Amino acid sequence: MISVIYLTISDVHAGIIRSAVSATASDEICVPVLDVCIDNTIDQSGLINQSGSFMPYNSGVDDYDTYLSLNPFHSDQSAPNEWFTHVGVLSATVTYDLGSLYSLDSVALWVEETLAPHSDVSFLVSEDGFDFDTIFSNLLLPDNIFGIYPATRYDFDAVNAQYFQIQFGQCATNNNGGCSLGEIAFSTGDAITSPVPTPPALAMFLLGMLGLTLASRRIGSHT
């Protein structure tokens, strides 16, 4: 049996499996019949077991480790289950929005098989979608050549992030080149909300607002 492949820089990984709520790509093919849009990588459409039966997960509910331990595979049928760039595209950037800020500690990729391997790949995270920090760089993604293919799991020290970005520095050069991916899933904790101001901080805020109000009244009385 083929099992999940691991790459890790941390022994701490546990959480809920979650799909991104949206995805964007610097290049994609979204046309009838040949539908290989980036959204295909977050809709679980190609996830199957070894027998070929559909094997989805419940985003935000199921345990990440438990689901991956079942050895979910991805179908080798591209449309509408995978993402491809146009032929000849040798680098690309994909950005995933988790919808809220989470503690993120692992990501699982099902890497499309016919155009792999991709090299010089980086993973980055961001809280706001503008400033990104690199958590992995110079990765060589797996070369799954024929048939259905397993997940590759990347564990790392927990970071707070809403956005996850993949930068493909050098996509596959066979078949005239192109970038591709089957599916992606994330391991997260609960959503992180903005902290409620502590009483001293709240008091300082109210005093500041009062000061601004009094100052504006003084200015108004002299005009």
Protein backbone atom coordinates (compact mmCIF):
# COMPACT_ATOMS: atom_id res chain seq x y z
CA MET A 1 0.00 0.00 0.00
CA ILE A 2 1.25 3.48 -0.82
CA SER A 3 1.21 5.70 2.23
CA VAL A 4 1.26 9.43 2.79
CA ILE A 5 4.65 11.01 2.13
CA TYR A 6 6.00 13.28 4.86
CA LEU A 7 8.28 16.30 4.96
CA THR A 8 8.60 17.90 8.36
CA ILE A 9 10.57 20.46 10.33
CA SER A 10 8.47 20.02 13.46
CA ASP A 11 7.17 17.09 15.47
CA VAL A 12 4.16 19.14 16.57
CA HIS A 13 1.22 18.73 14.24
CA ALA A 14 -2.39 18.24 15.15
CA GLY A 15 -5.55 19.95 14.14
CA ILE A 16 -8.70 20.03 12.12
CA ILE A 17 -8.56 19.45 8.38
CA ARG A 18 -9.72 22.50 6.48
CA SER A 19 -10.17 23.55 2.89
CA ALA A 20 -9.49 27.09 1.70
CA VAL A 21 -12.60 29.14 0.95
CA SER A 22 -11.11 30.62 -2.22
CA ALA A 23 -8.03 30.43 -4.42
CA THR A 24 -6.35 32.55 -7.07
CA ALA A 25 -3.65 31.65 -9.56
CA SER A 26 -1.41 33.70 -11.82
CA ASP A 27 -2.44 31.39 -14.68
CA GLU A 28 -5.20 28.79 -15.13
CA ILE A 29 -7.36 27.19 -17.81
CA CYS A 30 -11.10 27.60 -17.22
CA VAL A 31 -12.98 26.60 -20.34
CA PRO A 32 -15.79 24.09 -21.02
CA VAL A 33 -14.60 20.47 -21.31
CA LEU A 34 -11.03 21.41 -20.34
CA ASP A 35 -11.90 22.82 -16.90
CA VAL A 36 -8.65 22.84 -14.94
CA CYS A 37 -9.21 25.94 -12.80
CA ILE A 38 -7.46 26.60 -9.51
CA ASP A 39 -10.79 26.16 -7.67
CA ASN A 40 -10.54 22.44 -8.46
CA THR A 41 -7.76 22.18 -5.86
CA ILE A 42 -10.06 23.12 -2.96
CA ASP A 43 -13.35 21.39 -3.81
CA GLN A 44 -12.25 17.79 -3.02
CA SER A 45 -13.61 16.68 -6.38
CA GLY A 46 -10.71 14.33 -7.11
CA LEU A 47 -10.18 12.75 -3.69
CA ILE A 48 -10.72 8.98 -3.75
CA ASN A 49 -9.71 5.78 -1.98
CA GLN A 50 -7.63 3.04 -3.58
CA SER A 51 -10.77 1.48 -5.03
CA GLY A 52 -11.67 4.70 -6.80
CA SER A 53 -14.63 5.66 -4.58
CA PHE A 54 -15.12 9.32 -3.69
CA MET A 55 -13.42 10.06 -0.34
CA PRO A 56 -14.08 13.64 0.81
CA TYR A 57 -13.51 15.11 4.27
CA ASN A 58 -15.65 17.45 6.35
CA SER A 59 -13.81 20.77 6.28
CA GLY A 60 -13.55 22.35 9.70
CA VAL A 61 -14.82 19.18 11.41
CA ASP A 62 -12.69 16.09 10.70
CA ASP A 63 -9.31 15.43 12.27
CA TYR A 64 -6.40 16.11 9.90
CA ASP A 65 -4.18 13.24 11.08
CA THR A 66 -7.04 10.75 11.05
CA TYR A 67 -8.11 11.62 7.51
CA LEU A 68 -4.58 11.40 6.10
CA SER A 69 -3.99 8.10 7.89
CA LEU A 70 -6.72 6.63 5.66
CA ASN A 71 -4.40 7.17 2.66
CA PRO A 72 -6.66 9.29 0.47
CA PHE A 73 -5.57 9.36 -3.16
CA HIS A 74 -6.35 11.72 -5.99
CA SER A 75 -7.89 10.78 -9.30
CA ASP A 76 -5.75 10.97 -12.42
CA GLN A 77 -8.68 12.53 -14.31
CA SER A 78 -7.70 16.17 -14.80
CA ALA A 79 -10.96 17.94 -15.66
CA PRO A 80 -12.63 19.09 -13.49
CA ASN A 81 -10.44 17.75 -10.67
CA GLU A 82 -7.06 19.46 -11.06
CA TRP A 83 -5.36 22.76 -11.83
CA PHE A 84 -3.14 23.40 -14.83
CA THR A 85 -1.47 26.45 -16.26
CA HIS A 86 -1.28 26.94 -20.00
CA VAL A 87 1.39 24.98 -21.82
CA GLY A 88 4.73 26.74 -21.72
CA VAL A 89 4.17 28.47 -18.37
CA LEU A 90 7.28 27.67 -16.33
CA SER A 91 6.50 29.55 -13.10
CA ALA A 92 3.31 30.47 -11.29
CA THR A 93 1.91 31.73 -7.99
CA VAL A 94 -1.14 30.32 -6.23
CA THR A 95 -2.72 31.95 -3.17
CA TYR A 96 -5.28 30.32 -0.87
CA ASP A 97 -7.59 32.19 1.52
CA LEU A 98 -8.65 30.20 4.58
CA GLY A 99 -11.41 32.70 5.31
CA SER A 100 -10.23 33.54 8.83
CA LEU A 101 -7.03 33.70 10.82
CA TYR A 102 -5.98 30.26 12.09
CA SER A 103 -3.07 28.58 13.77
CA LEU A 104 -1.66 26.57 10.85
CA ASP A 105 0.84 23.73 11.31
CA SER A 106 0.64 21.42 8.30
CA VAL A 107 -0.42 21.28 4.68
CA ALA A 108 -1.13 18.27 2.46
CA LEU A 109 -0.67 18.41 -1.32
CA TRP A 110 -1.81 15.96 -3.96
CA VAL A 111 0.55 16.81 -6.81
CA GLU A 112 -0.70 16.24 -10.36
CA GLU A 113 1.17 13.41 -12.01
CA THR A 114 1.73 14.07 -15.71
CA LEU A 115 3.66 17.35 -15.62
CA ALA A 116 5.57 16.86 -12.36
CA PRO A 117 8.14 17.29 -10.94
CA HIS A 118 8.12 20.97 -10.06
CA SER A 119 11.26 22.41 -8.48
CA ASP A 120 12.30 25.60 -6.69
CA VAL A 121 8.90 25.68 -4.95
CA SER A 122 8.26 27.89 -1.92
CA PHE A 123 5.47 27.95 0.66
CA LEU A 124 4.57 31.27 2.26
CA VAL A 125 2.00 32.43 4.82
CA SER A 126 0.37 35.75 5.62
CA GLU A 127 -2.12 37.18 8.08
CA ASP A 128 -3.29 40.01 5.83
CA GLY A 129 -2.68 38.80 2.27
CA PHE A 130 0.00 41.43 1.65
CA ASP A 131 3.03 40.61 3.79
CA PHE A 132 4.13 37.00 3.33
CA ASP A 133 6.72 35.00 5.28
CA THR A 134 8.46 31.95 3.81
CA ILE A 135 8.14 28.66 5.69
CA PHE A 136 9.62 26.37 3.01
CA SER A 137 11.82 27.14 0.01
CA ASN A 138 13.65 25.27 -2.76
CA LEU A 139 11.26 22.33 -2.57
CA LEU A 140 11.13 19.58 -5.18
CA LEU A 141 7.55 18.34 -5.38
CA PRO A 142 6.90 14.60 -5.89
CA ASP A 143 6.95 13.05 -9.33
CA ASN A 144 3.75 10.99 -9.46
CA ILE A 145 3.90 9.70 -13.01
CA PHE A 146 1.07 7.23 -13.57
CA GLY A 147 -2.37 6.56 -12.13
CA ILE A 148 -3.93 7.79 -8.91
CA TYR A 149 -1.53 9.48 -6.51
CA PRO A 150 -1.14 9.99 -2.73
CA ALA A 151 -0.78 13.09 -0.58
CA THR A 152 2.51 14.66 0.37
CA ARG A 153 2.36 16.16 3.84
CA TYR A 154 4.45 19.13 5.00
CA ASP A 155 4.56 19.76 8.77
CA PHE A 156 6.03 22.92 10.33
CA ASP A 157 6.00 24.98 13.51
CA ALA A 158 2.56 26.51 14.05
CA VAL A 159 2.06 29.97 12.55
CA ASN A 160 -0.91 32.32 12.52
CA ALA A 161 -2.13 32.72 8.95
CA GLN A 162 -5.19 33.34 6.82
CA TYR A 163 -3.41 33.13 3.48
CA PHE A 164 -1.19 30.36 2.15
CA GLN A 165 0.82 30.89 -1.02
CA ILE A 166 2.70 28.49 -3.27
CA GLN A 167 5.33 29.94 -5.57
CA PHE A 168 6.32 27.56 -8.36
CA GLY A 169 9.78 28.72 -9.39
CA GLN A 170 10.39 26.07 -12.03
CA CYS A 171 7.48 23.99 -13.26
CA ALA A 172 7.79 20.77 -15.21
CA THR A 173 9.74 21.02 -18.46
CA ASN A 174 8.37 17.91 -20.14
CA ASN A 175 5.35 18.23 -22.46
CA ASN A 176 6.48 21.81 -23.19
CA GLY A 177 6.15 22.78 -19.55
CA GLY A 178 3.38 23.78 -17.21
CA CYS A 179 2.39 24.02 -13.54
CA SER A 180 -0.22 21.76 -11.95
CA LEU A 181 -1.76 20.60 -8.70
CA GLY A 182 -4.53 18.21 -7.72
CA GLU A 183 -5.71 19.19 -4.26
CA ILE A 184 -4.58 20.95 -1.08
CA ALA A 185 -5.77 20.66 2.54
CA PHE A 186 -4.69 22.40 5.73
CA SER A 187 -4.30 21.49 9.41
CA THR A 188 -5.62 24.30 11.61
CA GLY A 189 -6.71 25.09 15.13
CA ASP A 190 -9.76 27.16 15.95
CA ALA A 191 -10.23 30.55 14.31
CA ILE A 192 -8.26 33.34 15.97
CA THR A 193 -10.33 36.42 16.78
CA SER A 194 -9.11 39.90 17.64
CA PRO A 195 -8.49 40.15 21.39
CA VAL A 196 -11.01 42.08 23.48
CA PRO A 197 -9.35 45.19 24.96
CA THR A 198 -8.35 44.72 28.59
CA PRO A 199 -9.92 47.14 31.11
CA PRO A 200 -6.81 49.39 31.37
CA ALA A 201 -6.45 49.51 27.60
CA LEU A 202 -10.15 50.20 27.17
CA ALA A 203 -9.98 52.99 29.75
CA MET A 204 -7.03 54.61 27.96
CA PHE A 205 -8.92 54.37 24.68
CA LEU A 206 -12.02 56.06 26.16
CA LEU A 207 -9.90 58.80 27.75
CA GLY A 208 -8.25 59.43 24.42
CA MET A 209 -11.58 59.70 22.66
CA LEU A 210 -12.83 62.08 25.36
CA GLY A 211 -9.75 64.23 24.90
CA LEU A 212 -10.30 64.42 21.16
CA THR A 213 -13.94 65.38 21.68
CA LEU A 214 -13.06 68.18 24.13
CA ALA A 215 -10.32 69.46 21.86
CA SER A 216 -12.66 69.60 18.87
CA ARG A 217 -15.23 71.54 20.96
CA ARG A 218 -12.59 74.09 21.99
CA ILE A 219 -11.56 74.59 18.39
CA GLY A 220 -15.18 74.98 17.36
CA SER A 221 -15.84 77.62 20.04
CA HIS A 222 -13.03 79.83 18.71
CA THR A 223 -14.19 79.81 15.10
